[in-house]
Amino acid sequence: MRVVICGGGVIGACTAYFLRRLGIDATVVERTEIAAAASGKAGGFLAQDWCAGTPLDALARRSFALHAQLPAEVAGDWGYRAMSAYSGFVAADSDPRRDSPSALGWLSDGVIVAQRIGTPKTTAIVHPGKFTSATMNGALALGAELRLGRVTGIVRDADEIAAKGVEIDGDLIEADAVVIAMGPWSLLAAQWMSLPAVYGQRSPSIVYDTGADVPADALFLEYDENGSAVSIEVFPRADGSTHVTAFSDVAPLPLDPAVVTPDEDAIARLQAISERLSPAFRADRIIARQACFRPVTQDGLPLIGKVPGSEGLYVATGHNVWGILNAPATGEALAQLIAHGAAGDVDLSPFDPARLRPLDPSLLRAR
């Protein structure tokens, strides 16, 4: 059996890895480069139980466990480490706590830590780009293939039901099954199959070279910006970099992930807030000003499973902020579904693409 996976992000890489562990031939097709989009520019934060009480809970718990196991199974260093997480806020100028020392010594005065919301047993982090690349390399080491090119169509049988392969810039790669895992760009596949809408939400971020100045403390803070509350997230990584993000917005999705750029005003505002948080966040320490588009569905849950009305067609996208966290369990479950007809470790029924109305392909042609 041969499977072609469209998309070289974290979902595609994990799917290829777990398919090869089951002995199934896997080819990943990527337009730009591995981890070119959100998989290389996300925060990489992992949480075991933050999806409790939602349909994502079992997927997240399984994936959190897999993240802890994979460093012993896949070659490479992607900075997996356990960490604490805290919530809090930045005191406004009129707040008497403005000059109060922070409970975390690396933060500036007036950054109030309200509570600990994650412990090293329940929260962790990876470098997302390094994790995606290492997992892809792990799949290649097991015999997977990587092909650079743009997906231009899905080839089906005479009855237009069963997948027979993928067109890559007009050339055919034959396959017994096809997986669409192109993040928000998965919506382009709605031209060739029945898929619900997937939207792209833009997230700007700044990456600082903070060395050993910032410990393993993830932060989720509220900041008062001219009377409006801004949620800001801080993710220190094991390689000495710290990822700071805020100001997610909706913007037109470029056809090419390589041309995604951040809004300059959002970056300037984010930099100003970062400098208020800690002296570690200096302008001369910035190593990246960037943005990525996170894939989001209409009901906020990912699409994982068989494409309705087709044979041998699968989709895995729409993970929103939990793409890095849930990638291993998604790849494992999808590989099981393709190989055995059912996922063995996680119930995928909440993520069945058939639950949502498919996108009208004419809307894409009108773009």
Foldseek 3Di string as FASTA:
>chain_A
DEEEEEAQALQSLLLLLLLLVVVYAYEYEAAPDHNLFCLQAAQFKAFQAPQPPHQCNLLLNVLLVVVVVVPVPFDFAFFKFFFWEFEFAADDPPDPQNQPQEPDNQWHGRTHTDDTDGGSVTMIGTNRRRVSVRSNVSSVVSPYHYHHFDWDAFDADPVLFFTQFTAGVNDTDGGRAYEYEHAQLSLVCLLHAFFAHKFWKKKKKWKFQLAPSDDRYWYWYWYQDPNDTWTKIWGQGPVRMIIIITDIGGDDDDNDSNPAFDDPVRQVVRLVVVVNTGVSSDPVGTPDTGMHIGIAGPVRPWAFAAGPRHHRYTYTYHNGSCCSSSSNSSSNQNSCCVVPVGGDRGHCVVRHRVVDGTDDSVVVVVD
